[in-house]
PDB file of N, CA and C in Angstrom:
ATOM      1  N   UNK A   1      15.062 -22.578  66.617  1.00  0.00           N
ATOM      2  CA  UNK A   1      14.443 -23.809  66.454  1.00  0.00           C
ATOM      3  C   UNK A   1      15.640 -24.880  66.915  1.00  0.00           C
ATOM      4  N   UNK A   2      15.210 -25.636  67.900  1.00  0.00           N
ATOM      5  CA  UNK A   2      16.301 -26.666  68.252  1.00  0.00           C
ATOM      6  C   UNK A   2      16.483 -27.755  67.452  1.00  0.00           C
ATOM      7  N   UNK A   3      15.506 -28.122  66.721  1.00  0.00           N
ATOM      8  CA  UNK A   3      15.705 -29.236  65.621  1.00  0.00           C
ATOM      9  C   UNK A   3      16.569 -28.759  64.475  1.00  0.00           C
ATOM     10  N   UNK A   4      16.319 -27.570  64.019  1.00  0.00           N
ATOM     11  CA  UNK A   4      17.218 -26.916  62.947  1.00  0.00           C
ATOM     12  C   UNK A   4      18.742 -26.887  63.437  1.00  0.00           C
ATOM     13  N   UNK A   5      18.855 -26.430  64.668  1.00  0.00           N
ATOM     14  CA  UNK A   5      20.311 -26.331  65.133  1.00  0.00           C
ATOM     15  C   UNK A   5      20.846 -27.724  65.193  1.00  0.00           C
ATOM     16  N   UNK A   6      20.114 -28.617  65.623  1.00  0.00           N
ATOM     17  CA  UNK A   6      20.535 -29.966  65.694  1.00  0.00           C
ATOM     18  C   UNK A   6      20.966 -30.495  64.301  1.00  0.00           C
ATOM     19  N   UNK A   7      20.161 -30.320  63.307  1.00  0.00           N
ATOM     20  CA  UNK A   7      20.413 -30.765  61.960  1.00  0.00           C
ATOM     21  C   UNK A   7      21.707 -30.061  61.328  1.00  0.00           C
ATOM     22  N   UNK A   8      21.683 -28.789  61.695  1.00  0.00           N
ATOM     23  CA  UNK A   8      22.955 -28.111  61.191  1.00  0.00           C
ATOM     24  C   UNK A   8      24.233 -28.582  61.720  1.00  0.00           C
ATOM     25  N   UNK A   9      24.030 -29.047  62.935  1.00  0.00           N
ATOM     26  CA  UNK A   9      25.355 -29.532  63.593  1.00  0.00           C
ATOM     27  C   UNK A   9      25.639 -30.916  63.045  1.00  0.00           C
ATOM     28  N   UNK A  10      24.692 -31.860  63.052  1.00  0.00           N
ATOM     29  CA  UNK A  10      24.783 -33.220  62.518  1.00  0.00           C
ATOM     30  C   UNK A  10      25.208 -33.190  60.994  1.00  0.00           C
ATOM     31  N   UNK A  11      24.556 -32.291  60.245  1.00  0.00           N
ATOM     32  CA  UNK A  11      25.094 -32.331  58.855  1.00  0.00           C
ATOM     33  C   UNK A  11      26.170 -31.425  58.458  1.00  0.00           C
ATOM     34  N   UNK A  12      26.929 -30.896  59.432  1.00  0.00           N
ATOM     35  CA  UNK A  12      28.044 -30.023  59.297  1.00  0.00           C
ATOM     36  C   UNK A  12      27.706 -28.806  58.629  1.00  0.00           C
ATOM     37  N   UNK A  13      26.567 -28.196  58.777  1.00  0.00           N
ATOM     38  CA  UNK A  13      26.264 -26.940  58.107  1.00  0.00           C
ATOM     39  C   UNK A  13      26.612 -25.753  59.056  1.00  0.00           C
ATOM     40  N   UNK A  14      27.463 -25.041  58.613  1.00  0.00           N
ATOM     41  CA  UNK A  14      27.690 -23.777  59.301  1.00  0.00           C
ATOM     42  C   UNK A  14      27.582 -22.553  58.406  1.00  0.00           C
ATOM     43  N   UNK A  15      27.503 -21.404  58.972  1.00  0.00           N
ATOM     44  CA  UNK A  15      27.578 -20.221  58.211  1.00  0.00           C
ATOM     45  C   UNK A  15      28.963 -19.756  57.690  1.00  0.00           C
ATOM     46  N   UNK A  16      29.970 -20.256  58.530  1.00  0.00           N
ATOM     47  CA  UNK A  16      31.235 -19.818  58.313  1.00  0.00           C
ATOM     48  C   UNK A  16      31.984 -20.939  57.320  1.00  0.00           C
ATOM     49  N   UNK A  17      32.484 -20.465  56.279  1.00  0.00           N
ATOM     50  CA  UNK A  17      33.177 -21.443  55.391  1.00  0.00           C
ATOM     51  C   UNK A  17      34.664 -21.066  55.342  1.00  0.00           C
ATOM     52  N   UNK A  18      35.561 -22.113  55.204  1.00  0.00           N
ATOM     53  CA  UNK A  18      36.842 -21.938  55.000  1.00  0.00           C
ATOM     54  C   UNK A  18      37.302 -22.565  53.768  1.00  0.00           C
ATOM     55  N   UNK A  19      38.161 -21.944  52.960  1.00  0.00           N
ATOM     56  CA  UNK A  19      38.581 -22.382  51.767  1.00  0.00           C
ATOM     57  C   UNK A  19      40.184 -22.444  51.772  1.00  0.00           C
ATOM     58  N   UNK A  20      40.732 -23.419  51.055  1.00  0.00           N
ATOM     59  CA  UNK A  20      42.125 -23.416  50.905  1.00  0.00           C
ATOM     60  C   UNK A  20      42.529 -23.376  49.437  1.00  0.00           C
ATOM     61  N   UNK A  21      43.493 -22.541  49.101  1.00  0.00           N
ATOM     62  CA  UNK A  21      43.823 -22.525  47.754  1.00  0.00           C
ATOM     63  C   UNK A  21      45.297 -22.836  47.559  1.00  0.00           C
ATOM     64  N   UNK A  22      45.572 -23.662  46.485  1.00  0.00           N
ATOM     65  CA  UNK A  22      46.940 -24.029  46.175  1.00  0.00           C
ATOM     66  C   UNK A  22      47.748 -22.835  45.706  1.00  0.00           C
ATOM     67  N   UNK A  23      47.069 -22.005  44.950  1.00  0.00           N
ATOM     68  CA  UNK A  23      47.746 -20.719  44.412  1.00  0.00           C
ATOM     69  C   UNK A  23      46.684 -19.732  43.965  1.00  0.00           C
ATOM     70  N   UNK A  24      46.990 -18.513  44.153  1.00  0.00           N
ATOM     71  CA  UNK A  24      46.133 -17.453  43.739  1.00  0.00           C
ATOM     72  C   UNK A  24      46.708 -16.631  42.630  1.00  0.00           C
ATOM     73  N   UNK A  25      46.003 -16.244  41.620  1.00  0.00           N
ATOM     74  CA  UNK A  25      46.566 -15.472  40.472  1.00  0.00           C
ATOM     75  C   UNK A  25      45.996 -14.101  40.397  1.00  0.00           C
ATOM     76  N   UNK A  26      46.645 -12.966  40.138  1.00  0.00           N
ATOM     77  CA  UNK A  26      45.969 -11.740  40.213  1.00  0.00           C
ATOM     78  C   UNK A  26      45.416 -11.513  38.917  1.00  0.00           C
ATOM     79  N   UNK A  27      44.720 -10.263  38.885  1.00  0.00           N
ATOM     80  CA  UNK A  27      43.882  -9.974  37.662  1.00  0.00           C
ATOM     81  C   UNK A  27      44.760  -9.771  36.283  1.00  0.00           C
ATOM     82  N   UNK A  28      45.930  -9.510  36.541  1.00  0.00           N
ATOM     83  CA  UNK A  28      46.809  -9.082  35.333  1.00  0.00           C
ATOM     84  C   UNK A  28      47.431 -10.413  34.743  1.00  0.00           C
ATOM     85  N   UNK A  29      47.185 -11.648  35.372  1.00  0.00           N
ATOM     86  CA  UNK A  29      47.791 -12.786  34.702  1.00  0.00           C
ATOM     87  C   UNK A  29      47.097 -13.345  33.517  1.00  0.00           C
ATOM     88  N   UNK A  30      47.798 -14.077  32.681  1.00  0.00           N
ATOM     89  CA  UNK A  30      47.165 -14.579  31.424  1.00  0.00           C
ATOM     90  C   UNK A  30      46.821 -16.039  31.746  1.00  0.00           C
ATOM     91  N   UNK A  31      46.120 -16.563  30.625  1.00  0.00           N
ATOM     92  CA  UNK A  31      45.861 -18.030  30.722  1.00  0.00           C
ATOM     93  C   UNK A  31      47.177 -18.774  30.797  1.00  0.00           C
ATOM     94  N   UNK A  32      48.172 -18.345  30.020  1.00  0.00           N
ATOM     95  CA  UNK A  32      49.469 -19.027  29.891  1.00  0.00           C
ATOM     96  C   UNK A  32      50.180 -18.969  31.291  1.00  0.00           C
ATOM     97  N   UNK A  33      49.887 -17.892  32.110  1.00  0.00           N
ATOM     98  CA  UNK A  33      50.425 -17.947  33.466  1.00  0.00           C
ATOM     99  C   UNK A  33      49.919 -18.989  34.308  1.00  0.00           C
ATOM    100  N   UNK A  34      48.495 -19.157  34.208  1.00  0.00           N
ATOM    101  CA  UNK A  34      47.828 -20.163  34.985  1.00  0.00           C
ATOM    102  C   UNK A  34      48.299 -21.457  34.410  1.00  0.00           C
ATOM    103  N   UNK A  35      48.328 -21.697  33.255  1.00  0.00           N
ATOM    104  CA  UNK A  35      48.846 -23.049  32.643  1.00  0.00           C
ATOM    105  C   UNK A  35      50.261 -23.458  33.218  1.00  0.00           C
ATOM    106  N   UNK A  36      51.140 -22.460  33.161  1.00  0.00           N
ATOM    107  CA  UNK A  36      52.518 -22.804  33.589  1.00  0.00           C
ATOM    108  C   UNK A  36      52.594 -23.072  35.132  1.00  0.00           C
ATOM    109  N   UNK A  37      51.650 -22.265  35.874  1.00  0.00           N
ATOM    110  CA  UNK A  37      51.788 -22.346  37.232  1.00  0.00           C
ATOM    111  C   UNK A  37      51.047 -23.620  37.756  1.00  0.00           C
ATOM    112  N   UNK A  38      50.045 -24.154  37.166  1.00  0.00           N
ATOM    113  CA  UNK A  38      49.167 -25.322  37.709  1.00  0.00           C
ATOM    114  C   UNK A  38      48.996 -26.413  36.661  1.00  0.00           C
ATOM    115  N   UNK A  39      48.901 -26.228  35.522  1.00  0.00           N
ATOM    116  CA  UNK A  39      48.383 -27.227  34.545  1.00  0.00           C
ATOM    117  C   UNK A  39      49.377 -28.010  33.801  1.00  0.00           C
ATOM    118  N   UNK A  40      50.469 -27.443  33.543  1.00  0.00           N
ATOM    119  CA  UNK A  40      51.553 -28.061  32.747  1.00  0.00           C
ATOM    120  C   UNK A  40      52.035 -29.299  33.365  1.00  0.00           C
ATOM    121  N   UNK A  41      52.229 -29.402  34.679  1.00  0.00           N
ATOM    122  CA  UNK A  41      52.637 -30.782  35.411  1.00  0.00           C
ATOM    123  C   UNK A  41      51.506 -31.803  35.231  1.00  0.00           C
ATOM    124  N   UNK A  42      50.235 -31.316  35.408  1.00  0.00           N
ATOM    125  CA  UNK A  42      49.078 -32.282  35.315  1.00  0.00           C
ATOM    126  C   UNK A  42      49.139 -32.776  33.918  1.00  0.00           C
ATOM    127  N   UNK A  43      49.253 -32.090  32.852  1.00  0.00           N
ATOM    128  CA  UNK A  43      49.125 -32.682  31.542  1.00  0.00           C
ATOM    129  C   UNK A  43      50.330 -33.488  31.122  1.00  0.00           C
ATOM    130  N   UNK A  44      51.416 -33.232  31.758  1.00  0.00           N
ATOM    131  CA  UNK A  44      52.637 -34.100  31.575  1.00  0.00           C
ATOM    132  C   UNK A  44      52.252 -35.503  32.227  1.00  0.00           C
ATOM    133  N   UNK A  45      51.725 -35.424  33.353  1.00  0.00           N
ATOM    134  CA  UNK A  45      51.305 -36.735  34.035  1.00  0.00           C
ATOM    135  C   UNK A  45      50.375 -37.505  33.326  1.00  0.00           C
ATOM    136  N   UNK A  46      49.368 -36.901  32.643  1.00  0.00           N
ATOM    137  CA  UNK A  46      48.439 -37.727  31.874  1.00  0.00           C
ATOM    138  C   UNK A  46      49.058 -38.486  30.666  1.00  0.00           C
ATOM    139  N   UNK A  47      50.136 -37.961  30.198  1.00  0.00           N
ATOM    140  CA  UNK A  47      50.843 -38.708  29.136  1.00  0.00           C
ATOM    141  C   UNK A  47      51.460 -39.982  29.780  1.00  0.00           C
ATOM    142  N   UNK A  48      51.671 -39.986  30.975  1.00  0.00           N
ATOM    143  CA  UNK A  48      52.173 -41.164  31.549  1.00  0.00           C
ATOM    144  C   UNK A  48      51.137 -42.007  32.291  1.00  0.00           C
ATOM    145  N   UNK A  49      49.887 -41.820  31.844  1.00  0.00           N
ATOM    146  CA  UNK A  49      48.836 -42.731  32.267  1.00  0.00           C
ATOM    147  C   UNK A  49      48.115 -42.209  33.587  1.00  0.00           C
ATOM    148  N   UNK A  50      48.299 -41.065  34.059  1.00  0.00           N
ATOM    149  CA  UNK A  50      47.677 -40.550  35.249  1.00  0.00           C
ATOM    150  C   UNK A  50      46.455 -39.702  34.906  1.00  0.00           C
ATOM    151  N   UNK A  51      45.225 -39.992  35.454  1.00  0.00           N
ATOM    152  CA  UNK A  51      43.989 -39.197  35.176  1.00  0.00           C
ATOM    153  C   UNK A  51      44.184 -37.897  35.754  1.00  0.00           C
ATOM    154  N   UNK A  52      43.336 -36.953  35.132  1.00  0.00           N
ATOM    155  CA  UNK A  52      43.494 -35.655  35.713  1.00  0.00           C
ATOM    156  C   UNK A  52      42.245 -34.935  35.211  1.00  0.00           C
ATOM    157  N   UNK A  53      41.759 -33.954  36.047  1.00  0.00           N
ATOM    158  CA  UNK A  53      40.583 -33.066  35.679  1.00  0.00           C
ATOM    159  C   UNK A  53      40.978 -31.726  36.086  1.00  0.00           C
ATOM    160  N   UNK A  54      40.676 -30.872  35.067  1.00  0.00           N
ATOM    161  CA  UNK A  54      40.758 -29.399  35.408  1.00  0.00           C
ATOM    162  C   UNK A  54      39.447 -28.785  35.018  1.00  0.00           C
ATOM    163  N   UNK A  55      38.903 -28.038  35.981  1.00  0.00           N
ATOM    164  CA  UNK A  55      37.648 -27.363  35.610  1.00  0.00           C
ATOM    165  C   UNK A  55      37.596 -25.913  36.098  1.00  0.00           C
ATOM    166  N   UNK A  56      36.634 -25.251  35.399  1.00  0.00           N
ATOM    167  CA  UNK A  56      36.349 -23.794  36.041  1.00  0.00           C
ATOM    168  C   UNK A  56      35.185 -23.721  36.604  1.00  0.00           C
ATOM    169  N   UNK A  57      35.006 -23.013  37.808  1.00  0.00           N
ATOM    170  CA  UNK A  57      33.834 -22.874  38.426  1.00  0.00           C
ATOM    171  C   UNK A  57      33.609 -21.499  38.741  1.00  0.00           C
ATOM    172  N   UNK A  58      32.374 -20.859  38.552  1.00  0.00           N
ATOM    173  CA  UNK A  58      32.082 -19.650  38.924  1.00  0.00           C
ATOM    174  C   UNK A  58      30.756 -19.306  38.545  1.00  0.00           C
ATOM    175  N   UNK A  59      30.354 -18.165  38.846  1.00  0.00           N
ATOM    176  CA  UNK A  59      29.047 -17.503  38.407  1.00  0.00           C
ATOM    177  C   UNK A  59      29.073 -17.068  36.963  1.00  0.00           C
ATOM    178  N   UNK A  60      27.889 -16.788  36.414  1.00  0.00           N
ATOM    179  CA  UNK A  60      27.767 -16.335  35.045  1.00  0.00           C
ATOM    180  C   UNK A  60      28.530 -15.139  34.911  1.00  0.00           C
ATOM    181  N   UNK A  61      29.328 -15.082  33.824  1.00  0.00           N
ATOM    182  CA  UNK A  61      30.079 -13.922  33.343  1.00  0.00           C
ATOM    183  C   UNK A  61      31.327 -13.683  34.107  1.00  0.00           C
ATOM    184  N   UNK A  62      31.732 -14.802  34.824  1.00  0.00           N
ATOM    185  CA  UNK A  62      32.953 -14.678  35.596  1.00  0.00           C
ATOM    186  C   UNK A  62      34.174 -15.003  34.763  1.00  0.00           C
ATOM    187  N   UNK A  63      34.143 -15.524  33.579  1.00  0.00           N
ATOM    188  CA  UNK A  63      35.209 -15.801  32.772  1.00  0.00           C
ATOM    189  C   UNK A  63      35.739 -17.182  32.596  1.00  0.00           C
ATOM    190  N   UNK A  64      34.820 -18.175  32.801  1.00  0.00           N
ATOM    191  CA  UNK A  64      35.148 -19.604  32.902  1.00  0.00           C
ATOM    192  C   UNK A  64      35.355 -19.929  31.282  1.00  0.00           C
ATOM    193  N   UNK A  65      34.584 -19.569  30.453  1.00  0.00           N
ATOM    194  CA  UNK A  65      34.810 -19.784  28.980  1.00  0.00           C
ATOM    195  C   UNK A  65      36.206 -19.334  28.609  1.00  0.00           C
ATOM    196  N   UNK A  66      36.430 -18.026  28.890  1.00  0.00           N
ATOM    197  CA  UNK A  66      37.751 -17.549  28.473  1.00  0.00           C
ATOM    198  C   UNK A  66      38.873 -18.183  29.005  1.00  0.00           C
ATOM    199  N   UNK A  67      38.712 -18.635  30.223  1.00  0.00           N
ATOM    200  CA  UNK A  67      39.804 -19.466  31.057  1.00  0.00           C
ATOM    201  C   UNK A  67      40.090 -20.665  30.371  1.00  0.00           C
ATOM    202  N   UNK A  68      39.013 -21.390  29.912  1.00  0.00           N
ATOM    203  CA  UNK A  68      39.254 -22.782  29.392  1.00  0.00           C
ATOM    204  C   UNK A  68      39.524 -22.735  27.977  1.00  0.00           C
ATOM    205  N   UNK A  69      38.797 -21.859  27.215  1.00  0.00           N
ATOM    206  CA  UNK A  69      38.895 -21.890  25.680  1.00  0.00           C
ATOM    207  C   UNK A  69      39.853 -20.761  25.273  1.00  0.00           C
ATOM    208  N   UNK A  70      39.661 -19.579  25.854  1.00  0.00           N
ATOM    209  CA  UNK A  70      40.588 -18.461  25.396  1.00  0.00           C
ATOM    210  C   UNK A  70      40.166 -17.798  24.158  1.00  0.00           C
ATOM    211  N   UNK A  71      41.024 -17.294  23.485  1.00  0.00           N
ATOM    212  CA  UNK A  71      41.145 -16.617  22.216  1.00  0.00           C
ATOM    213  C   UNK A  71      42.400 -16.616  21.528  1.00  0.00           C
ATOM    214  N   UNK A  72      42.464 -16.340  20.223  1.00  0.00           N
ATOM    215  CA  UNK A  72      43.743 -16.544  19.599  1.00  0.00           C
ATOM    216  C   UNK A  72      45.070 -16.132  20.264  1.00  0.00           C
ATOM    217  N   UNK A  73      44.883 -14.748  20.784  1.00  0.00           N
ATOM    218  CA  UNK A  73      45.895 -14.105  21.346  1.00  0.00           C
ATOM    219  C   UNK A  73      46.286 -14.395  22.747  1.00  0.00           C
ATOM    220  N   UNK A  74      45.377 -15.272  23.413  1.00  0.00           N
ATOM    221  CA  UNK A  74      45.405 -15.729  24.801  1.00  0.00           C
ATOM    222  C   UNK A  74      44.684 -17.046  24.851  1.00  0.00           C
ATOM    223  N   UNK A  75      45.440 -18.185  24.326  1.00  0.00           N
ATOM    224  CA  UNK A  75      44.603 -19.464  24.388  1.00  0.00           C
ATOM    225  C   UNK A  75      44.270 -19.986  25.783  1.00  0.00           C
ATOM    226  N   UNK A  76      43.145 -20.651  25.779  1.00  0.00           N
ATOM    227  CA  UNK A  76      42.750 -21.149  27.094  1.00  0.00           C
ATOM    228  C   UNK A  76      43.409 -22.415  27.567  1.00  0.00           C
ATOM    229  N   UNK A  77      42.991 -22.721  28.806  1.00  0.00           N
ATOM    230  CA  UNK A  77      43.732 -23.904  29.357  1.00  0.00           C
ATOM    231  C   UNK A  77      43.500 -25.162  28.536  1.00  0.00           C
ATOM    232  N   UNK A  78      42.396 -25.488  28.012  1.00  0.00           N
ATOM    233  CA  UNK A  78      42.200 -26.602  27.184  1.00  0.00           C
ATOM    234  C   UNK A  78      43.026 -26.626  25.884  1.00  0.00           C
ATOM    235  N   UNK A  79      43.121 -25.478  25.317  1.00  0.00           N
ATOM    236  CA  UNK A  79      44.070 -25.525  24.204  1.00  0.00           C
ATOM    237  C   UNK A  79      45.455 -25.645  24.417  1.00  0.00           C
ATOM    238  N   UNK A  80      45.884 -24.963  25.570  1.00  0.00           N
ATOM    239  CA  UNK A  80      47.330 -25.123  25.967  1.00  0.00           C
ATOM    240  C   UNK A  80      47.595 -26.509  26.437  1.00  0.00           C
ATOM    241  N   UNK A  81      46.541 -27.102  27.269  1.00  0.00           N
ATOM    242  CA  UNK A  81      46.826 -28.514  27.729  1.00  0.00           C
ATOM    243  C   UNK A  81      46.871 -29.466  26.491  1.00  0.00           C
ATOM    244  N   UNK A  82      46.073 -29.351  25.602  1.00  0.00           N
ATOM    245  CA  UNK A  82      46.113 -30.276  24.423  1.00  0.00           C
ATOM    246  C   UNK A  82      47.426 -30.020  23.648  1.00  0.00           C
ATOM    247  N   UNK A  83      47.756 -28.914  23.533  1.00  0.00           N
ATOM    248  CA  UNK A  83      49.113 -28.665  22.706  1.00  0.00           C
ATOM    249  C   UNK A  83      50.233 -29.328  23.482  1.00  0.00           C
ATOM    250  N   UNK A  84      50.114 -29.168  24.866  1.00  0.00           N
ATOM    251  CA  UNK A  84      51.266 -29.735  25.650  1.00  0.00           C
ATOM    252  C   UNK A  84      51.266 -31.226  25.610  1.00  0.00           C
ATOM    253  N   UNK A  85      50.151 -31.849  25.571  1.00  0.00           N
ATOM    254  CA  UNK A  85      49.995 -33.385  25.653  1.00  0.00           C
ATOM    255  C   UNK A  85      50.466 -33.844  24.320  1.00  0.00           C
ATOM    256  N   UNK A  86      50.131 -33.198  23.232  1.00  0.00           N
ATOM    257  CA  UNK A  86      50.520 -33.747  21.901  1.00  0.00           C
ATOM    258  C   UNK A  86      52.075 -33.472  21.737  1.00  0.00           C
ATOM    259  N   UNK A  87      52.677 -32.490  22.360  1.00  0.00           N
ATOM    260  CA  UNK A  87      54.135 -32.220  22.208  1.00  0.00           C
ATOM    261  C   UNK A  87      54.787 -33.418  22.978  1.00  0.00           C
ATOM    262  N   UNK A  88      54.397 -33.678  24.125  1.00  0.00           N
ATOM    263  CA  UNK A  88      54.890 -34.823  25.069  1.00  0.00           C
ATOM    264  C   UNK A  88      54.806 -36.208  24.445  1.00  0.00           C
ATOM    265  N   UNK A  89      53.611 -36.399  23.737  1.00  0.00           N
ATOM    266  CA  UNK A  89      53.479 -37.674  23.103  1.00  0.00           C
ATOM    267  C   UNK A  89      54.298 -37.975  21.888  1.00  0.00           C
ATOM    268  N   UNK A  90      54.643 -36.671  21.156  1.00  0.00           N
ATOM    269  CA  UNK A  90      55.498 -36.744  19.903  1.00  0.00           C
ATOM    270  C   UNK A  90      56.960 -37.080  20.544  1.00  0.00           C
ATOM    271  N   UNK A  91      57.258 -36.572  21.673  1.00  0.00           N
ATOM    272  CA  UNK A  91      58.613 -37.071  22.138  1.00  0.00           C
ATOM    273  C   UNK A  91      58.837 -38.512  22.447  1.00  0.00           C
ATOM    274  N   UNK A  92      57.667 -39.221  22.660  1.00  0.00           N
ATOM    275  CA  UNK A  92      57.678 -40.693  22.997  1.00  0.00           C
ATOM    276  C   UNK A  92      57.789 -41.529  21.681  1.00  0.00           C
ATOM    277  N   UNK A  93      57.602 -40.834  20.575  1.00  0.00           N
ATOM    278  CA  UNK A  93      57.595 -41.601  19.345  1.00  0.00           C
ATOM    279  C   UNK A  93      59.121 -41.843  18.779  1.00  0.00           C
TER     280      UNK A  93
END
C-alpha cells in the first residue's frame, strides 16, 4: 500500500532500529557494579543541584525491581544512590 509506505517514511517508522549504549554490563555484575559504573557520578551531581533521573525499563520478570530495590546482600540502585546522596550531604555540613 503506497499510503502506508508514505506514512512510514514521513513518521520515520522503520523496521530496523538502532540503539546506542553508554555501557553494557554482563550477567555476572552486581547492582554495586552498575552503581559505581554509571550512577555514582549522577548522584554526586544531584547534591550540587543538578536534576537526574535513573530508571529501569524492560519486560515483566526482567529484573527491574531487583535492579532498583535489590535485597539486603545486593542493595539496588535506589538504596545505593540514597546512601551516597546522604554521605555527600553530610560532607557539606
